Amino acid sequence: MTETFLLVLSILFFISILAGRIGGRLGIPALVLFIAVGMAFGSDGIGIAFNNLYLAEAIGTVSLCVILFSGGLNTKFAEIKPVIGQSMLLATMGVILTAAFTGFFAWWLCGELVPALGFSLISAFLLASVMSSTDSAAVFAILGSKNVKLKHNLRSTLECESGSNDPMAYMLTITLISLIKAGGEPNVLMIVFSIVSQIIIGALAGYFIAKFAVKMLNRIKIENDVYYPIIVLTFCIFIFSFTHFIKGNGFLAIYIGGLVIGNSRFVTKRTTFKLFDAISWLSQIAMFLMLGLLVEPHELFPVAVPALVIGLFMIFVARPLSVFISLTPFSKVTFKDKIFISWVGLRGAVPIIFAIYPLTAGIPHARFIFNIVFFITLISILLQGTFLTKVAKWLDLLAPSRARRRLDDFDVDLAEDIGSISTEIVVTDYALRNGNALMNMPLPDDALVVLVKRDDKYFIPKGKTELNVGDKLLVMMNNEDTLTETYENMGLAGINPNNKPLK
């Protein structure tokens, strides 16, 4: 039995990775294809039955923790500092307004289209709250996979918002589930107090535990470096579980914890980042696959019309209204910026995971809510995710793309304090046009070649060192402008300095 499970799981993962690669070439978000693979192998497809809601909730929660923590690790505080005010308003007021607008609309629409369902206003608010946050997994994955460069710090705004707004949606969802189960009148003061206390406890717990984790990483001495990333993963799990234990919001704590650790110095930092990048993508694949297996496609057809209308209302009305209202105090945020922020209100795995909570709690209309949320998530990722870059281009918000640098052959761990940029360059015929000695290379004055790889051998070059076509150079420089100039001078930017196509 175990061997069969592992065989099926490995096949599903492999097919998902291939599908994601194909989807990237076609411009289709990989997340949609991960779900599609799960649905194809599910009960209405090949026939793999998966209906364990508690296991699905557990897998989704753990996966979301890893994704949020990894998102925090990869977010530079210097980049989000200028936009933290607007991001926080979007993550709080924006979520509440989106839930309110969508809740009233869903209640009215369901009353008109399916009056026999008896869909109450509080159930409509629960549906809207589940979908009210911009999904961090979808935003991190799509912005990262498309390598989108945006003007006006928009990418930092979107990543900070999506990483910090899940807690508000979670608290609204849990609070409304509790109210429905209790069947009483809502105590507004108690609700507000609960939400505020969870935010404060979560923020403080995430910050201080992360600070303690950094001190531990730098003080303990372990001969085998492989243990350090494992320690970081341990703290990741501890931050979420401990914060939940002390009645704080674990999702907020995990993002802040990742942000603090990622912006601190500690040993084997580069290795840790690579590990979490891999685990984060594994978590996304597992989460979307599981959700695809969990849904029963034949149940989506009866809710297709209300789901489509509600989904379009969220994309074109509720989200834009929430963004424009929330960003009113920020005069520097342009009209085009607000339009684009409205468009990147992606729904993804998080709303579907939150939609599992009413199912496990036995809330009336829980399956209806789950199917609506699943359908809207597919619409959101397909429509907003697919056209994200096109909308940015249409609004003239795409920033000039920097030369992409890779360190495939020079996997080095350099201290950040030296303030340098490292990149890997392959020597071409064009680069050798002035001679094959290193001193003849058309490199900027502040670019330094520190290492050469030829076949499987590495050596430190001198000015008179002769280079061959195919040699790989590890080059260090001071800033991004020098990096771009280096790529252009070496004939790796698509055009040469005379603006003539390279042959």
Protein backbone atom coordinates (compact mmCIF):
# COMPACT_ATOMS: atom_id res chain seq x y z
CA MET A 1 0.00 0.00 0.00
CA THR A 2 2.78 2.44 0.94
CA GLU A 3 4.74 1.60 -2.20
CA THR A 4 1.66 2.23 -4.38
CA PHE A 5 1.01 5.58 -2.69
CA LEU A 6 4.61 6.70 -3.22
CA LEU A 7 4.55 5.56 -6.85
CA VAL A 8 1.37 7.52 -7.60
CA LEU A 9 2.68 10.55 -5.71
CA SER A 10 5.96 10.60 -7.62
CA ILE A 11 4.13 10.30 -10.95
CA LEU A 12 1.79 13.16 -10.03
CA PHE A 13 4.69 15.40 -9.03
CA PHE A 14 6.63 14.61 -12.19
CA ILE A 15 3.63 15.25 -14.45
CA SER A 16 2.93 18.51 -12.61
CA ILE A 17 6.49 19.75 -13.14
CA LEU A 18 6.32 18.91 -16.85
CA ALA A 19 2.92 20.58 -17.14
CA GLY A 20 4.25 23.67 -15.37
CA ARG A 21 7.18 23.90 -17.79
CA ILE A 22 4.90 23.59 -20.81
CA GLY A 23 2.47 26.10 -19.34
CA GLY A 24 5.28 28.61 -18.83
CA ARG A 25 6.11 28.49 -22.55
CA LEU A 26 2.45 28.97 -23.44
CA GLY A 27 1.99 31.81 -20.94
CA ILE A 28 -0.39 29.79 -18.73
CA PRO A 29 0.28 30.05 -14.97
CA ALA A 30 1.77 26.79 -13.68
CA LEU A 31 -0.56 26.84 -10.66
CA VAL A 32 -3.59 26.24 -12.90
CA LEU A 33 -1.90 23.24 -14.46
CA PHE A 34 -1.03 21.80 -11.04
CA ILE A 35 -4.72 21.94 -10.16
CA ALA A 36 -5.64 20.51 -13.57
CA VAL A 37 -3.35 17.52 -13.03
CA GLY A 38 -4.99 16.88 -9.66
CA MET A 39 -8.47 17.10 -11.19
CA ALA A 40 -7.46 14.79 -14.06
CA PHE A 41 -6.32 12.14 -11.61
CA GLY A 42 -9.21 12.72 -9.16
CA SER A 43 -12.52 10.97 -8.66
CA ASP A 44 -14.04 12.34 -11.88
CA GLY A 45 -10.87 11.59 -13.84
CA ILE A 46 -8.64 8.55 -13.50
CA GLY A 47 -10.40 7.76 -10.24
CA ILE A 48 -8.07 8.52 -7.33
CA ALA A 49 -10.43 9.17 -4.43
CA PHE A 50 -9.24 11.79 -1.95
CA ASN A 51 -11.83 13.15 0.46
CA ASN A 52 -9.96 13.45 3.76
CA LEU A 53 -10.77 17.06 4.64
CA TYR A 54 -8.72 17.09 7.86
CA LEU A 55 -5.62 15.82 6.05
CA ALA A 56 -6.19 18.34 3.26
CA GLU A 57 -6.48 21.14 5.83
CA ALA A 58 -3.26 20.01 7.54
CA ILE A 59 -1.30 19.76 4.26
CA GLY A 60 -2.61 23.14 3.14
CA THR A 61 -1.72 24.83 6.43
CA VAL A 62 1.84 23.46 6.49
CA SER A 63 2.35 24.33 2.82
CA LEU A 64 1.08 27.86 3.37
CA CYS A 65 3.44 28.30 6.33
CA VAL A 66 6.44 27.32 4.20
CA ILE A 67 5.34 29.59 1.32
CA LEU A 68 4.80 32.60 3.59
CA PHE A 69 8.09 32.02 5.42
CA SER A 70 9.97 31.65 2.14
CA GLY A 71 8.30 34.81 0.83
CA GLY A 72 9.48 36.68 3.91
CA LEU A 73 13.02 35.31 3.52
CA ASN A 74 13.25 36.59 -0.04
CA THR A 75 11.80 40.03 0.69
CA LYS A 76 14.35 42.78 1.25
CA PHE A 77 13.23 45.12 4.02
CA ALA A 78 14.92 48.03 2.24
CA GLU A 79 12.59 47.43 -0.71
CA ILE A 80 9.33 47.24 1.26
CA LYS A 81 10.16 50.02 3.73
CA PRO A 82 8.99 52.81 1.36
CA VAL A 83 5.70 50.99 0.67
CA ILE A 84 4.96 49.40 4.03
CA GLY A 85 2.18 51.90 4.89
CA GLN A 86 0.18 51.34 1.73
CA SER A 87 0.81 47.58 1.88
CA MET A 88 -0.52 47.37 5.43
CA LEU A 89 -3.67 49.32 4.54
CA LEU A 90 -4.27 47.00 1.60
CA ALA A 91 -3.67 44.00 3.87
CA THR A 92 -6.22 45.17 6.46
CA MET A 93 -8.73 47.72 5.20
CA GLY A 94 -8.49 46.34 1.67
CA VAL A 95 -9.37 42.83 2.84
CA ILE A 96 -12.29 44.04 4.97
CA LEU A 97 -13.71 46.19 2.17
CA THR A 98 -13.34 43.40 -0.39
CA ALA A 99 -15.19 41.03 1.97
CA ALA A 100 -17.94 43.60 2.60
CA PHE A 101 -18.57 44.52 -1.05
CA THR A 102 -18.42 40.90 -2.24
CA GLY A 103 -20.52 39.63 0.68
CA PHE A 104 -23.45 41.95 -0.03
CA PHE A 105 -23.27 41.22 -3.76
CA ALA A 106 -23.10 37.42 -3.26
CA TRP A 107 -26.05 37.53 -0.85
CA TRP A 108 -28.14 39.53 -3.35
CA LEU A 109 -27.11 37.40 -6.34
CA CYS A 110 -27.74 34.04 -4.68
CA GLY A 111 -31.12 35.32 -3.50
CA GLU A 112 -32.01 36.17 -7.10
CA LEU A 113 -30.57 33.09 -8.83
CA VAL A 114 -31.07 30.32 -6.24
CA PRO A 115 -33.65 31.57 -3.70
CA ALA A 116 -34.41 28.01 -2.63
CA LEU A 117 -30.87 27.71 -1.25
CA GLY A 118 -31.67 30.10 1.59
CA PHE A 119 -28.21 31.64 1.50
CA SER A 120 -28.07 33.96 4.52
CA LEU A 121 -26.19 37.26 4.72
CA ILE A 122 -23.69 35.92 7.27
CA SER A 123 -23.01 32.90 5.03
CA ALA A 124 -22.43 35.30 2.14
CA PHE A 125 -19.95 37.25 4.28
CA LEU A 126 -18.21 33.97 5.13
CA LEU A 127 -17.92 33.18 1.41
CA ALA A 128 -16.51 36.64 0.73
CA SER A 129 -14.10 36.53 3.70
CA VAL A 130 -12.65 33.24 2.52
CA MET A 131 -11.77 34.92 -0.81
CA SER A 132 -10.94 38.39 0.50
CA SER A 133 -7.13 38.20 0.55
CA THR A 134 -4.67 38.36 -2.30
CA ASP A 135 -3.10 34.92 -2.40
CA SER A 136 0.59 34.96 -1.44
CA ALA A 137 1.35 31.61 -3.11
CA ALA A 138 -0.08 32.81 -6.43
CA VAL A 139 1.57 36.26 -6.31
CA PHE A 140 5.02 34.95 -5.31
CA ALA A 141 4.83 32.15 -7.90
CA ILE A 142 3.56 34.20 -10.86
CA LEU A 143 5.72 37.29 -10.28
CA GLY A 144 8.73 35.04 -9.73
CA SER A 145 8.18 32.67 -12.66
CA LYS A 146 7.52 35.54 -15.08
CA ASN A 147 10.49 37.52 -13.65
CA VAL A 148 8.35 40.68 -13.78
CA LYS A 149 10.17 43.98 -13.18
CA LEU A 150 7.80 46.81 -12.21
CA LYS A 151 8.13 50.55 -11.73
CA HIS A 152 7.30 52.54 -8.59
CA ASN A 153 8.09 49.70 -6.14
CA LEU A 154 4.89 47.97 -7.25
CA ARG A 155 6.37 44.50 -6.95
CA SER A 156 7.39 45.17 -3.34
CA THR A 157 3.91 46.53 -2.59
CA LEU A 158 2.19 43.47 -4.04
CA GLU A 159 4.48 40.94 -2.36
CA CYS A 160 4.26 42.69 1.01
CA GLU A 161 0.46 42.94 0.76
CA SER A 162 -0.03 39.32 -0.29
CA GLY A 163 2.36 38.09 2.40
CA SER A 164 0.61 40.01 5.18
CA ASN A 165 -3.09 39.98 4.25
CA ASP A 166 -3.81 36.27 4.71
CA PRO A 167 -4.04 36.74 8.53
CA MET A 168 -6.91 39.21 8.18
CA ALA A 169 -8.84 36.88 5.85
CA TYR A 170 -8.12 33.97 8.21
CA MET A 171 -9.41 35.87 11.25
CA LEU A 172 -12.56 36.98 9.44
CA THR A 173 -13.18 33.40 8.30
CA ILE A 174 -12.67 31.85 11.74
CA THR A 175 -14.74 34.56 13.45
CA LEU A 176 -17.69 34.13 11.08
CA ILE A 177 -17.56 30.33 11.42
CA SER A 178 -17.72 30.75 15.20
CA LEU A 179 -20.68 33.13 14.92
CA ILE A 180 -22.58 30.77 12.62
CA LYS A 181 -21.97 27.81 14.94
CA ALA A 182 -22.97 29.83 18.01
CA GLY A 183 -26.11 31.12 16.30
CA GLY A 184 -26.09 34.32 18.32
CA GLU A 185 -25.85 38.03 17.65
CA PRO A 186 -22.33 39.19 16.84
CA ASN A 187 -20.49 41.16 19.53
CA VAL A 188 -18.65 43.74 17.43
CA LEU A 189 -16.36 44.86 20.25
CA MET A 190 -15.31 41.30 21.02
CA ILE A 191 -14.64 40.62 17.34
CA VAL A 192 -12.50 43.76 16.98
CA PHE A 193 -10.61 42.96 20.20
CA SER A 194 -9.95 39.40 19.05
CA ILE A 195 -8.63 40.51 15.66
CA VAL A 196 -6.40 43.26 17.09
CA SER A 197 -4.98 41.00 19.81
CA GLN A 198 -4.19 38.26 17.32
CA ILE A 199 -2.38 40.74 15.07
CA ILE A 200 -0.32 42.21 17.94
CA ILE A 201 0.59 38.82 19.44
CA GLY A 202 1.41 37.38 16.02
CA ALA A 203 3.63 40.31 15.03
CA LEU A 204 5.53 40.34 18.33
CA ALA A 205 5.97 36.55 18.45
CA GLY A 206 7.22 36.40 14.86
CA TYR A 207 9.70 39.24 15.41
CA PHE A 208 11.22 38.14 18.71
CA ILE A 209 11.40 34.41 17.93
CA ALA A 210 13.09 35.23 14.63
CA LYS A 211 15.62 37.48 16.40
CA PHE A 212 16.35 34.64 18.82
CA ALA A 213 16.73 32.23 15.89
CA VAL A 214 19.35 34.47 14.24
CA LYS A 215 21.36 34.65 17.48
CA MET A 216 21.21 30.89 17.82
CA LEU A 217 22.36 30.34 14.24
CA ASN A 218 25.36 32.61 14.68
CA ARG A 219 26.42 31.32 18.10
CA ILE A 220 26.15 27.58 17.83
CA LYS A 221 29.04 25.86 16.11
CA ILE A 222 28.22 22.75 14.07
CA GLU A 223 30.81 21.09 11.88
CA ASN A 224 28.28 19.86 9.34
CA ASP A 225 26.76 22.95 7.64
CA VAL A 226 23.75 20.97 6.44
CA TYR A 227 22.21 21.31 9.91
CA TYR A 228 21.84 25.10 9.74
CA PRO A 229 19.04 25.16 7.10
CA ILE A 230 17.31 22.42 9.10
CA ILE A 231 17.46 24.64 12.19
CA VAL A 232 15.84 27.47 10.21
CA LEU A 233 13.09 25.09 9.06
CA THR A 234 12.59 24.04 12.69
CA PHE A 235 12.16 27.66 13.76
CA CYS A 236 9.73 28.17 10.87
CA ILE A 237 7.48 25.43 12.23
CA PHE A 238 7.96 26.60 15.83
CA ILE A 239 7.02 30.21 15.07
CA PHE A 240 3.68 29.20 13.59
CA SER A 241 2.73 26.56 16.16
CA PHE A 242 3.86 28.54 19.23
CA THR A 243 2.09 31.70 18.06
CA HIS A 244 -1.11 29.74 17.51
CA PHE A 245 -0.69 28.23 21.00
CA ILE A 246 -0.53 31.70 22.63
CA LYS A 247 -3.64 32.86 20.68
CA GLY A 248 -1.80 34.94 18.11
CA ASN A 249 -2.05 34.80 14.34
CA GLY A 250 0.44 32.22 13.15
CA PHE A 251 0.29 33.23 9.47
CA LEU A 252 1.31 36.81 10.27
CA ALA A 253 4.02 35.58 12.64
CA ILE A 254 5.50 33.22 10.06
CA TYR A 255 5.77 35.96 7.42
CA ILE A 256 7.35 38.46 9.83
CA GLY A 257 9.68 35.72 11.09
CA GLY A 258 10.85 35.01 7.56
CA LEU A 259 11.27 38.74 6.91
CA VAL A 260 13.44 39.22 10.01
CA ILE A 261 15.60 36.14 9.40
CA GLY A 262 15.97 36.87 5.69
CA ASN A 263 17.22 40.39 6.38
CA SER A 264 19.75 39.28 9.00
CA ARG A 265 23.25 37.87 8.66
CA PHE A 266 23.73 34.22 9.56
CA VAL A 267 25.88 31.32 8.47
CA THR A 268 25.00 29.30 5.34
CA LYS A 269 22.44 31.94 4.36
CA ARG A 270 22.70 31.20 0.63
CA THR A 271 22.20 27.47 1.19
CA THR A 272 19.19 28.15 3.41
CA PHE A 273 17.60 30.36 0.77
CA LYS A 274 18.06 27.68 -1.88
CA LEU A 275 16.53 25.05 0.39
CA PHE A 276 13.46 27.17 1.10
CA ASP A 277 13.02 28.10 -2.55
CA ALA A 278 12.89 24.39 -3.35
CA ILE A 279 10.61 23.54 -0.41
CA SER A 280 8.33 26.46 -1.29
CA TRP A 281 7.81 25.22 -4.85
CA LEU A 282 7.34 21.67 -3.56
CA SER A 283 4.69 23.00 -1.16
CA GLN A 284 2.91 24.84 -3.95
CA ILE A 285 2.85 21.76 -6.16
CA ALA A 286 1.63 19.57 -3.28
CA MET A 287 -1.02 22.09 -2.24
CA PHE A 288 -2.50 22.68 -5.69
CA LEU A 289 -2.33 18.99 -6.58
CA MET A 290 -4.16 18.10 -3.38
CA LEU A 291 -6.85 20.71 -4.02
CA GLY A 292 -7.31 19.38 -7.55
CA LEU A 293 -7.78 15.89 -6.16
CA LEU A 294 -10.16 17.15 -3.49
CA VAL A 295 -12.63 18.87 -5.80
CA GLU A 296 -15.30 16.94 -7.68
CA PRO A 297 -15.57 18.64 -11.10
CA HIS A 298 -19.16 17.55 -11.71
CA GLU A 299 -20.19 19.66 -8.69
CA LEU A 300 -18.74 22.81 -10.29
CA PHE A 301 -21.26 22.94 -13.14
CA PRO A 302 -24.33 23.80 -10.98
CA VAL A 303 -22.47 26.74 -9.40
CA ALA A 304 -20.82 27.93 -12.61
CA VAL A 305 -23.14 30.89 -13.24
CA PRO A 306 -23.16 32.45 -9.74
CA ALA A 307 -19.43 31.70 -9.34
CA LEU A 308 -18.58 33.37 -12.66
CA VAL A 309 -20.63 36.47 -11.87
CA ILE A 310 -19.25 36.78 -8.32
CA GLY A 311 -15.72 36.22 -9.59
CA LEU A 312 -16.01 38.93 -12.24
CA PHE A 313 -17.57 41.27 -9.67
CA MET A 314 -14.57 40.73 -7.37
CA ILE A 315 -12.04 41.31 -10.16
CA PHE A 316 -13.64 44.36 -11.79
CA VAL A 317 -15.61 46.00 -8.94
CA ALA A 318 -14.87 44.87 -5.37
CA ARG A 319 -11.07 44.68 -5.61
CA PRO A 320 -10.66 48.01 -7.48
CA LEU A 321 -13.02 49.82 -5.08
CA SER A 322 -11.12 48.43 -2.09
CA VAL A 323 -7.75 49.40 -3.55
CA PHE A 324 -8.77 52.95 -4.48
CA ILE A 325 -10.38 53.57 -1.08
CA SER A 326 -7.48 52.04 0.88
CA LEU A 327 -4.84 54.02 -1.05
CA THR A 328 -6.63 57.37 -0.83
CA PRO A 329 -4.10 58.74 1.74
CA PHE A 330 -1.17 58.00 -0.59
CA SER A 331 -1.12 60.73 -3.22
CA LYS A 332 2.12 59.43 -4.78
CA VAL A 333 0.39 56.22 -5.86
CA THR A 334 -0.74 57.02 -9.38
CA PHE A 335 -4.02 56.07 -11.04
CA LYS A 336 -2.21 53.50 -13.19
CA ASP A 337 -0.53 52.03 -10.12
CA LYS A 338 -3.91 51.54 -8.47
CA ILE A 339 -5.33 49.92 -11.59
CA PHE A 340 -2.46 47.43 -11.70
CA ILE A 341 -2.64 46.69 -7.96
CA SER A 342 -6.36 46.05 -8.47
CA TRP A 343 -5.60 43.62 -11.28
CA VAL A 344 -3.10 41.61 -9.23
CA GLY A 345 -5.76 40.70 -6.67
CA LEU A 346 -5.03 37.05 -7.39
CA ARG A 347 -6.99 34.28 -5.70
CA GLY A 348 -5.20 30.97 -5.29
CA ALA A 349 -4.73 28.07 -2.92
CA VAL A 350 -5.25 30.11 0.26
CA PRO A 351 -8.97 30.80 -0.35
CA ILE A 352 -9.52 27.13 -1.17
CA ILE A 353 -7.74 26.07 2.02
CA PHE A 354 -9.80 28.55 4.02
CA ALA A 355 -12.91 27.16 2.29
CA ILE A 356 -12.09 23.77 3.81
CA TYR A 357 -12.61 25.21 7.32
CA PRO A 358 -16.42 25.53 6.95
CA LEU A 359 -16.49 21.94 5.66
CA THR A 360 -14.62 20.55 8.67
CA ALA A 361 -16.74 22.74 10.98
CA GLY A 362 -20.00 21.42 9.50
CA ILE A 363 -21.31 24.88 8.52
CA PRO A 364 -24.53 25.01 6.41
CA HIS A 365 -23.85 25.56 2.69
CA ALA A 366 -20.18 24.67 3.26
CA ARG A 367 -19.92 22.57 0.10
CA PHE A 368 -21.60 25.32 -1.93
CA ILE A 369 -19.06 27.82 -0.58
CA PHE A 370 -16.14 25.48 -1.34
CA ASN A 371 -17.23 24.92 -4.95
CA ILE A 372 -17.84 28.65 -5.52
CA VAL A 373 -14.39 29.50 -4.13
CA PHE A 374 -12.70 26.81 -6.23
CA PHE A 375 -14.37 28.02 -9.42
CA ILE A 376 -13.48 31.67 -8.73
CA THR A 377 -9.87 30.71 -7.98
CA LEU A 378 -9.54 29.10 -11.39
CA ILE A 379 -11.04 32.19 -13.05
CA SER A 380 -8.70 34.50 -11.14
CA ILE A 381 -5.48 32.63 -11.89
CA LEU A 382 -6.40 32.07 -15.54
CA LEU A 383 -7.59 35.61 -16.23
CA GLN A 384 -5.46 37.78 -13.93
CA GLY A 385 -2.39 35.56 -13.86
CA THR A 386 -2.23 35.03 -17.62
CA PHE A 387 -2.61 38.72 -18.49
CA LEU A 388 -0.56 40.14 -15.61
CA THR A 389 2.43 41.09 -17.76
CA LYS A 390 0.24 42.36 -20.59
CA VAL A 391 -1.68 44.66 -18.23
CA ALA A 392 1.59 46.00 -16.78
CA LYS A 393 2.84 46.67 -20.31
CA TRP A 394 -0.42 48.31 -21.33
CA LEU A 395 -0.19 50.62 -18.29
CA ASP A 396 3.50 51.32 -19.03
CA LEU A 397 4.56 49.96 -15.64
CA LEU A 398 7.17 47.43 -16.77
CA ALA A 399 10.65 48.45 -15.65
CA PRO A 400 13.70 47.78 -17.83
CA SER A 401 14.73 44.18 -17.31
CA ARG A 402 18.16 43.73 -15.83
CA ALA A 403 20.56 41.16 -17.20
CA ARG A 404 19.74 37.90 -15.53
CA ARG A 405 22.65 36.45 -13.61
CA ARG A 406 23.13 32.82 -12.72
CA LEU A 407 25.74 31.03 -10.65
CA ASP A 408 25.31 27.49 -11.94
CA ASP A 409 29.03 26.66 -12.03
CA PHE A 410 30.20 28.97 -9.23
CA ASP A 411 27.95 28.10 -6.31
CA VAL A 412 29.63 30.43 -3.84
CA ASP A 413 28.39 31.95 -0.60
CA LEU A 414 29.58 35.58 -0.43
CA ALA A 415 29.00 37.89 2.52
CA GLU A 416 26.40 40.53 1.79
CA ASP A 417 28.32 43.21 3.67
CA ILE A 418 30.87 43.62 0.87
CA GLY A 419 28.07 45.18 -1.19
CA SER A 420 28.98 43.48 -4.43
CA ILE A 421 27.12 41.66 -7.21
CA SER A 422 28.40 38.40 -8.63
CA THR A 423 27.50 36.88 -11.96
CA GLU A 424 28.59 34.06 -14.25
CA ILE A 425 29.61 34.86 -17.84
CA VAL A 426 30.48 32.50 -20.69
CA VAL A 427 33.28 33.69 -22.99
CA THR A 428 32.17 34.06 -26.63
CA ASP A 429 33.96 34.85 -29.90
CA TYR A 430 32.57 38.37 -29.61
CA ALA A 431 34.23 38.83 -26.20
CA LEU A 432 37.60 37.79 -27.67
CA ARG A 433 37.47 40.26 -30.55
CA ASN A 434 40.31 42.37 -29.08
CA GLY A 435 42.50 39.44 -28.06
CA ASN A 436 42.27 36.33 -25.91
CA ALA A 437 44.09 37.63 -22.81
CA LEU A 438 42.01 38.59 -19.79
CA MET A 439 43.40 42.14 -19.96
CA ASN A 440 41.86 42.45 -23.43
CA MET A 441 38.35 41.59 -22.26
CA PRO A 442 35.88 44.50 -22.81
CA LEU A 443 34.98 44.65 -19.11
CA PRO A 444 34.11 47.85 -17.21
CA ASP A 445 36.82 49.18 -14.92
CA ASP A 446 34.98 48.16 -11.73
CA ALA A 447 34.25 44.59 -12.89
CA LEU A 448 36.66 41.97 -11.53
CA VAL A 449 37.12 38.39 -12.76
CA VAL A 450 37.88 36.37 -9.64
CA LEU A 451 37.65 32.79 -10.94
CA VAL A 452 37.67 30.87 -14.23
CA LYS A 453 36.19 27.45 -14.96
CA ARG A 454 37.58 25.55 -17.95
CA ASP A 455 36.10 22.11 -18.45
CA ASP A 456 36.08 20.71 -14.90
CA LYS A 457 38.99 22.77 -13.57
CA TYR A 458 38.97 26.06 -11.69
CA PHE A 459 41.80 28.63 -11.48
CA ILE A 460 42.40 32.24 -10.46
CA PRO A 461 43.29 34.33 -13.53
CA LYS A 462 45.86 37.08 -14.04
CA GLY A 463 45.84 39.88 -16.59
CA LYS A 464 47.86 37.84 -19.09
CA THR A 465 45.83 34.66 -18.64
CA GLU A 466 44.65 33.42 -22.04
CA LEU A 467 40.96 32.61 -22.28
CA ASN A 468 39.13 30.24 -24.61
CA VAL A 469 35.65 30.32 -26.05
CA GLY A 470 33.40 28.46 -23.61
CA ASP A 471 35.38 29.40 -20.49
CA LYS A 472 33.13 30.48 -17.63
CA LEU A 473 34.04 33.54 -15.59
CA LEU A 474 32.92 34.47 -12.08
CA VAL A 475 32.74 38.26 -12.23
CA MET A 476 32.14 40.65 -9.32
CA MET A 477 31.07 44.28 -9.58
CA ASN A 478 29.67 47.10 -7.47
CA ASN A 479 26.19 47.71 -8.86
CA GLU A 480 23.47 46.70 -11.32
CA ASP A 481 24.50 49.32 -13.88
CA THR A 482 27.94 47.76 -14.13
CA LEU A 483 26.29 44.36 -14.46
CA THR A 484 24.24 45.51 -17.45
CA GLU A 485 27.28 47.19 -19.03
CA THR A 486 29.29 44.00 -18.56
CA TYR A 487 26.71 41.89 -20.35
CA GLU A 488 26.50 44.38 -23.21
CA ASN A 489 30.28 44.65 -23.61
CA MET A 490 30.70 40.88 -23.56
CA GLY A 491 28.03 40.46 -26.24
CA LEU A 492 25.46 38.77 -24.02
CA ALA A 493 22.64 41.32 -24.02
CA GLY A 494 21.22 40.59 -27.48
CA ILE A 495 22.94 43.61 -29.11
CA ASN A 496 26.51 44.91 -29.17
CA PRO A 497 27.55 48.41 -28.10
CA ASN A 498 26.95 49.63 -31.68
CA ASN A 499 23.30 48.44 -31.49
CA LYS A 500 23.89 45.82 -34.18
CA PRO A 501 22.37 42.34 -33.74
CA LEU A 502 24.86 39.72 -32.65
CA LYS A 503 25.50 36.83 -34.98
